[in-house]
Structures are given as structure tokens and as C-alpha cells.
Amino acid sequence: MRMKVSMMTWIWAAGLLLAVSSCKKGKDAPEELLQKNDKVLMMNEIPAGDLAADHALLPAPGNMGSIMGTETSAGQPLRGLIIGAAAKKGVRIEIWPLGAVQWRTGQELQTCIIATSPEQAAAGLEDFMALRLAHDDVRTTLEHWFRRHYIPSNAEWLGWQNEVYAQAEIQRAGLR
């Protein structure tokens, strides 16, 4: 069943994409986090702007999916959200971790990796500090979406972690 999406929702999504795409050219992505030949891939499950069946209040502000080759302690793949233009469902997307958001439901810690493409990382959106300083409106919008429309109402919001934590979390979940 396809739900109608309001014009304000599309304007909001377009604004988020415009803010990210206006990244000015900057330094190359930091070598210490990922080597040039390392690839982290996410299988896109919910294209940016689509409604998730289990979280249908507002469309996803980015492409959401599972980071391939990972498994959390709960036996599920690590979740990811890619800032950028919508990609088709089922496509594999190379990602560049910018940070992570975390929440706790009961005793279970949940993490979602926030990422971008390697091209955007090379164009100035290369780490959490760039997201925080140059694109804090994007970070704030993502936080609001997670807190109000994605995580369960009984969950405790724990906040943001930087790209070093995000990369370590991917390593812990089994990506080799």
C-alpha cells in the first residue's frame, strides 16, 4: 500500500538533500579511518523519502539499510543511514561513516551508523566535526527524526558518537 506524502514532507526532504549537496570542496578524507581499498557496503532497504512500514510517521531522511558483512550481538546486521540522494531498494551502496546515533531499549544498546558517500567525504563532509560544524542543521534534523519518528517511545536516547566510534562499531560487528 502506497501512502501519500505531503508537500511539506517533500520540501523538508529536498532541503536536507540541498544542504548536504552544498558541501564545498575540502581536504581528502582522513587516511587513518579507512584505507583507500577498504569498502564498507550497505544494502539499501528504504530509499530516502520512502516510508518505512514499521516507522511510517515521516519518510526516511536518507537511504536506510543493513551494513553488509556485519552482525550485532542481537544477531542482526548493523543498521545504517546514508545522507544523500535516494537510491533504489536493493542496491549496494559504498558508504563513508560520519558518526553514529545510539539509544537503549531496556538493556539493549542500539546503534545506527550515519554515513555519506566517499565522493561527499572527499568534498568536505569527511567526519563528524564537519557534520557538526558545517552542517549542524542536517545533524539536528537527523536527530529529531530518530528521536521522534524512528526509535521506540520507550527507548532512552543516548546521543551521537563520532566517525572513529562508528568505524570501530563496524569492525566490532564483524566487517573485515
C-alpha atoms as a PDB file:
ATOM      1  CA  MET A   1       0.000   0.000   0.000  1.00  0.00           C
ATOM      2  CA  ARG A   2       1.449   3.366  -1.031  1.00  0.00           C
ATOM      3  CA  MET A   3       0.869   6.311   1.326  1.00  0.00           C
ATOM      4  CA  LYS A   4       0.536   9.896   0.154  1.00  0.00           C
ATOM      5  CA  VAL A   5       3.346  12.153   1.296  1.00  0.00           C
ATOM      6  CA  SER A   6       2.547  15.815   1.986  1.00  0.00           C
ATOM      7  CA  MET A   7       4.181  18.654   0.087  1.00  0.00           C
ATOM      8  CA  MET A   8       5.821  19.878   3.336  1.00  0.00           C
ATOM      9  CA  THR A   9       7.496  16.493   3.754  1.00  0.00           C
ATOM     10  CA  TRP A  10       8.933  16.682   0.238  1.00  0.00           C
ATOM     11  CA  ILE A  11      10.104  20.251   0.839  1.00  0.00           C
ATOM     12  CA  TRP A  12      11.760  19.114   4.082  1.00  0.00           C
ATOM     13  CA  ALA A  13      13.487  16.201   2.321  1.00  0.00           C
ATOM     14  CA  ALA A  14      14.601  18.423  -0.566  1.00  0.00           C
ATOM     15  CA  GLY A  15      16.040  20.937   1.922  1.00  0.00           C
ATOM     16  CA  LEU A  16      18.017  18.194   3.649  1.00  0.00           C
ATOM     17  CA  LEU A  17      19.421  16.953   0.333  1.00  0.00           C
ATOM     18  CA  LEU A  18      20.227  20.522  -0.757  1.00  0.00           C
ATOM     19  CA  ALA A  19      22.079  21.225   2.493  1.00  0.00           C
ATOM     20  CA  VAL A  20      24.225  18.120   2.069  1.00  0.00           C
ATOM     21  CA  SER A  21      24.866  18.648  -1.632  1.00  0.00           C
ATOM     22  CA  SER A  22      26.152  22.171  -0.974  1.00  0.00           C
ATOM     23  CA  CYS A  23      29.301  20.778   0.666  1.00  0.00           C
ATOM     24  CA  LYS A  24      32.256  22.831  -0.511  1.00  0.00           C
ATOM     25  CA  LYS A  25      35.359  21.136  -1.795  1.00  0.00           C
ATOM     26  CA  GLY A  26      37.718  20.375   1.052  1.00  0.00           C
ATOM     27  CA  LYS A  27      40.529  18.115   2.112  1.00  0.00           C
ATOM     28  CA  ASP A  28      40.657  14.420   1.285  1.00  0.00           C
ATOM     29  CA  ALA A  29      39.016  12.011   3.706  1.00  0.00           C
ATOM     30  CA  PRO A  30      41.270  11.032   6.641  1.00  0.00           C
ATOM     31  CA  GLU A  31      43.525   8.083   5.827  1.00  0.00           C
ATOM     32  CA  GLU A  32      43.654   6.811   9.415  1.00  0.00           C
ATOM     33  CA  LEU A  33      39.988   5.743   9.461  1.00  0.00           C
ATOM     34  CA  LEU A  34      39.685   3.833   6.216  1.00  0.00           C
ATOM     35  CA  GLN A  35      42.302   2.758   3.755  1.00  0.00           C
ATOM     36  CA  LYS A  36      41.662   3.593   0.102  1.00  0.00           C
ATOM     37  CA  ASN A  37      40.958  -0.052  -0.760  1.00  0.00           C
ATOM     38  CA  ASP A  38      38.602  -0.637   2.207  1.00  0.00           C
ATOM     39  CA  LYS A  39      34.957  -0.676   1.219  1.00  0.00           C
ATOM     40  CA  VAL A  40      32.021  -0.606   3.555  1.00  0.00           C
ATOM     41  CA  LEU A  41      28.813  -1.513   1.724  1.00  0.00           C
ATOM     42  CA  MET A  42      25.218  -1.055   2.776  1.00  0.00           C
ATOM     43  CA  MET A  43      22.251  -2.874   1.222  1.00  0.00           C
ATOM     44  CA  ASN A  44      19.596  -0.202   0.727  1.00  0.00           C
ATOM     45  CA  GLU A  45      16.257  -1.266   2.177  1.00  0.00           C
ATOM     46  CA  ILE A  46      14.395   2.045   2.466  1.00  0.00           C
ATOM     47  CA  PRO A  47      15.189   4.697  -0.160  1.00  0.00           C
ATOM     48  CA  ALA A  48      15.436   8.296   1.048  1.00  0.00           C
ATOM     49  CA  GLY A  49      11.956   9.817   1.061  1.00  0.00           C
ATOM     50  CA  ASP A  50      10.121   6.464   1.345  1.00  0.00           C
ATOM     51  CA  LEU A  51       8.065   5.471   4.338  1.00  0.00           C
ATOM     52  CA  ALA A  52       9.309   2.576   6.437  1.00  0.00           C
ATOM     53  CA  ALA A  53       6.498   0.094   7.111  1.00  0.00           C
ATOM     54  CA  ASP A  54       7.251  -0.007  10.835  1.00  0.00           C
ATOM     55  CA  HIS A  55       8.071   3.718  11.184  1.00  0.00           C
ATOM     56  CA  ALA A  56       5.530   5.427   8.927  1.00  0.00           C
ATOM     57  CA  LEU A  57       5.240   8.868  10.529  1.00  0.00           C
ATOM     58  CA  LEU A  58       7.740  10.657   8.296  1.00  0.00           C
ATOM     59  CA  PRO A  59       9.766   9.485   5.310  1.00  0.00           C
ATOM     60  CA  ALA A  60      13.345   8.379   5.845  1.00  0.00           C
ATOM     61  CA  PRO A  61      15.703  11.386   5.667  1.00  0.00           C
ATOM     62  CA  GLY A  62      18.308   9.230   3.910  1.00  0.00           C
ATOM     63  CA  ASN A  63      18.786   5.766   2.471  1.00  0.00           C
ATOM     64  CA  MET A  64      18.411   3.201   5.257  1.00  0.00           C
ATOM     65  CA  GLY A  65      19.630  -0.346   5.293  1.00  0.00           C
ATOM     66  CA  SER A  66      21.943  -3.016   6.646  1.00  0.00           C
ATOM     67  CA  ILE A  67      25.725  -2.791   6.576  1.00  0.00           C
ATOM     68  CA  MET A  68      26.817  -5.872   4.698  1.00  0.00           C
ATOM     69  CA  GLY A  69      29.040  -8.403   6.449  1.00  0.00           C
ATOM     70  CA  THR A  70      28.118  -7.236   9.958  1.00  0.00           C
ATOM     71  CA  GLU A  71      26.209  -8.847  12.795  1.00  0.00           C
ATOM     72  CA  THR A  72      25.388  -7.248  16.139  1.00  0.00           C
ATOM     73  CA  SER A  73      25.212  -9.099  19.462  1.00  0.00           C
ATOM     74  CA  ALA A  74      21.462  -9.447  18.815  1.00  0.00           C
ATOM     75  CA  GLY A  75      22.256 -11.381  15.612  1.00  0.00           C
ATOM     76  CA  GLN A  76      21.071  -8.613  13.291  1.00  0.00           C
ATOM     77  CA  PRO A  77      23.119  -6.657  10.739  1.00  0.00           C
ATOM     78  CA  LEU A  78      24.299  -3.225  11.842  1.00  0.00           C
ATOM     79  CA  ARG A  79      21.889  -0.528  10.616  1.00  0.00           C
ATOM     80  CA  GLY A  80      22.967   2.483   8.569  1.00  0.00           C
ATOM     81  CA  LEU A  81      21.550   5.722   7.207  1.00  0.00           C
ATOM     82  CA  ILE A  82      23.236   7.382   4.240  1.00  0.00           C
ATOM     83  CA  ILE A  83      22.852  11.120   3.804  1.00  0.00           C
ATOM     84  CA  GLY A  84      22.297  11.848   0.115  1.00  0.00           C
ATOM     85  CA  ALA A  85      20.052  11.338  -2.868  1.00  0.00           C
ATOM     86  CA  ALA A  86      17.587   8.440  -2.937  1.00  0.00           C
ATOM     87  CA  ALA A  87      18.872   5.121  -4.250  1.00  0.00           C
ATOM     88  CA  LYS A  88      16.768   2.167  -5.379  1.00  0.00           C
ATOM     89  CA  LYS A  89      15.767  -0.506  -2.902  1.00  0.00           C
ATOM     90  CA  GLY A  90      18.132  -3.483  -3.011  1.00  0.00           C
ATOM     91  CA  VAL A  91      21.142  -1.603  -4.387  1.00  0.00           C
ATOM     92  CA  ARG A  92      24.521  -1.905  -2.645  1.00  0.00           C
ATOM     93  CA  ILE A  93      25.975   1.472  -1.730  1.00  0.00           C
ATOM     94  CA  GLU A  94      29.552   2.197  -0.676  1.00  0.00           C
ATOM     95  CA  ILE A  95      29.499   4.299   2.487  1.00  0.00           C
ATOM     96  CA  TRP A  96      31.816   6.568   4.447  1.00  0.00           C
ATOM     97  CA  PRO A  97      30.983   6.536   8.215  1.00  0.00           C
ATOM     98  CA  LEU A  98      30.477  10.031   9.686  1.00  0.00           C
ATOM     99  CA  GLY A  99      29.213   9.029  13.096  1.00  0.00           C
ATOM    100  CA  ALA A 100      26.563   7.019  14.884  1.00  0.00           C
ATOM    101  CA  VAL A 101      23.408   7.582  16.872  1.00  0.00           C
ATOM    102  CA  GLN A 102      22.617   5.413  19.876  1.00  0.00           C
ATOM    103  CA  TRP A 103      19.645   4.574  22.042  1.00  0.00           C
ATOM    104  CA  ARG A 104      18.821   1.962  24.658  1.00  0.00           C
ATOM    105  CA  THR A 105      15.661  -0.119  24.795  1.00  0.00           C
ATOM    106  CA  GLY A 106      15.625  -1.904  28.137  1.00  0.00           C
ATOM    107  CA  GLN A 107      19.112  -3.388  28.454  1.00  0.00           C
ATOM    108  CA  GLU A 108      19.735  -3.498  24.697  1.00  0.00           C
ATOM    109  CA  LEU A 109      22.002  -0.856  23.156  1.00  0.00           C
ATOM    110  CA  GLN A 110      21.031   0.088  19.584  1.00  0.00           C
ATOM    111  CA  THR A 111      23.330   1.843  17.127  1.00  0.00           C
ATOM    112  CA  CYS A 112      22.727   3.241  13.656  1.00  0.00           C
ATOM    113  CA  ILE A 113      25.728   4.334  11.595  1.00  0.00           C
ATOM    114  CA  ILE A 114      25.296   7.715   9.899  1.00  0.00           C
ATOM    115  CA  ALA A 115      27.240   7.808   6.649  1.00  0.00           C
ATOM    116  CA  THR A 116      27.753   9.522   3.339  1.00  0.00           C
ATOM    117  CA  SER A 117      29.332   8.511   0.057  1.00  0.00           C
ATOM    118  CA  PRO A 118      33.113   8.570  -0.443  1.00  0.00           C
ATOM    119  CA  GLU A 119      32.613  11.358  -3.027  1.00  0.00           C
ATOM    120  CA  GLN A 120      30.881  13.593  -0.480  1.00  0.00           C
ATOM    121  CA  ALA A 121      33.576  12.767   2.079  1.00  0.00           C
ATOM    122  CA  ALA A 122      36.240  13.958  -0.350  1.00  0.00           C
ATOM    123  CA  ALA A 123      34.172  17.113  -0.973  1.00  0.00           C
ATOM    124  CA  GLY A 124      34.215  18.244   2.661  1.00  0.00           C
ATOM    125  CA  LEU A 125      31.761  16.020   4.557  1.00  0.00           C
ATOM    126  CA  GLU A 126      34.503  13.694   5.776  1.00  0.00           C
ATOM    127  CA  ASP A 127      33.927  13.382   9.519  1.00  0.00           C
ATOM    128  CA  PHE A 128      31.639  14.110  12.445  1.00  0.00           C
ATOM    129  CA  MET A 129      33.252  17.513  13.059  1.00  0.00           C
ATOM    130  CA  ALA A 130      32.370  18.614   9.506  1.00  0.00           C
ATOM    131  CA  LEU A 131      28.806  17.398  10.061  1.00  0.00           C
ATOM    132  CA  ARG A 132      28.661  19.191  13.413  1.00  0.00           C
ATOM    133  CA  LEU A 133      30.221  22.484  12.312  1.00  0.00           C
ATOM    134  CA  ALA A 134      29.409  22.947   8.633  1.00  0.00           C
ATOM    135  CA  HIS A 135      26.098  21.049   8.530  1.00  0.00           C
ATOM    136  CA  ASP A 136      24.667  21.194  12.045  1.00  0.00           C
ATOM    137  CA  ASP A 137      21.183  21.734  10.583  1.00  0.00           C
ATOM    138  CA  VAL A 138      21.448  18.310   8.919  1.00  0.00           C
ATOM    139  CA  ARG A 139      22.661  16.702  12.155  1.00  0.00           C
ATOM    140  CA  THR A 140      19.814  18.346  14.097  1.00  0.00           C
ATOM    141  CA  THR A 141      17.226  17.195  11.536  1.00  0.00           C
ATOM    142  CA  LEU A 142      18.537  13.622  11.674  1.00  0.00           C
ATOM    143  CA  GLU A 143      18.497  13.642  15.482  1.00  0.00           C
ATOM    144  CA  HIS A 144      14.923  14.923  15.521  1.00  0.00           C
ATOM    145  CA  TRP A 145      13.832  12.243  13.040  1.00  0.00           C
ATOM    146  CA  PHE A 146      15.474   9.439  15.035  1.00  0.00           C
ATOM    147  CA  ARG A 147      14.161  10.679  18.386  1.00  0.00           C
ATOM    148  CA  ARG A 148      10.601  11.394  17.269  1.00  0.00           C
ATOM    149  CA  HIS A 149       9.922   9.024  14.383  1.00  0.00           C
ATOM    150  CA  TYR A 150      12.295   6.058  14.396  1.00  0.00           C
ATOM    151  CA  ILE A 151      13.273   4.807  17.831  1.00  0.00           C
ATOM    152  CA  PRO A 152      10.569   3.321  20.093  1.00  0.00           C
ATOM    153  CA  SER A 153       8.854   5.718  22.506  1.00  0.00           C
ATOM    154  CA  ASN A 154      10.120   3.693  25.491  1.00  0.00           C
ATOM    155  CA  ALA A 155      13.752   3.984  24.346  1.00  0.00           C
ATOM    156  CA  GLU A 156      16.338   6.167  26.052  1.00  0.00           C
ATOM    157  CA  TRP A 157      18.189   8.487  23.623  1.00  0.00           C
ATOM    158  CA  LEU A 158      21.940   8.240  24.260  1.00  0.00           C
ATOM    159  CA  GLY A 159      23.155  10.665  21.600  1.00  0.00           C
ATOM    160  CA  TRP A 160      25.827  10.901  18.933  1.00  0.00           C
ATOM    161  CA  GLN A 161      29.224   9.269  18.525  1.00  0.00           C
ATOM    162  CA  ASN A 162      31.949  10.365  16.090  1.00  0.00           C
ATOM    163  CA  GLU A 163      33.380   8.642  12.988  1.00  0.00           C
ATOM    164  CA  VAL A 164      36.085   6.854  14.987  1.00  0.00           C
ATOM    165  CA  TYR A 165      33.421   5.171  17.121  1.00  0.00           C
ATOM    166  CA  ALA A 166      31.318   4.393  14.020  1.00  0.00           C
ATOM    167  CA  GLN A 167      34.252   2.709  12.280  1.00  0.00           C
ATOM    168  CA  ALA A 168      35.099   0.744  15.429  1.00  0.00           C
ATOM    169  CA  GLU A 169      31.457  -0.338  15.738  1.00  0.00           C
ATOM    170  CA  ILE A 170      31.527  -1.632  12.163  1.00  0.00           C
ATOM    171  CA  GLN A 171      34.744  -3.542  12.972  1.00  0.00           C
ATOM    172  CA  ARG A 172      33.188  -4.979  16.181  1.00  0.00           C
ATOM    173  CA  ALA A 173      30.142  -6.120  14.199  1.00  0.00           C
ATOM    174  CA  GLY A 174      32.417  -8.228  12.041  1.00  0.00           C
ATOM    175  CA  LEU A 175      33.342  -6.285   8.901  1.00  0.00           C
ATOM    176  CA  ARG A 176      36.814  -7.416   7.939  1.00  0.00           C
END
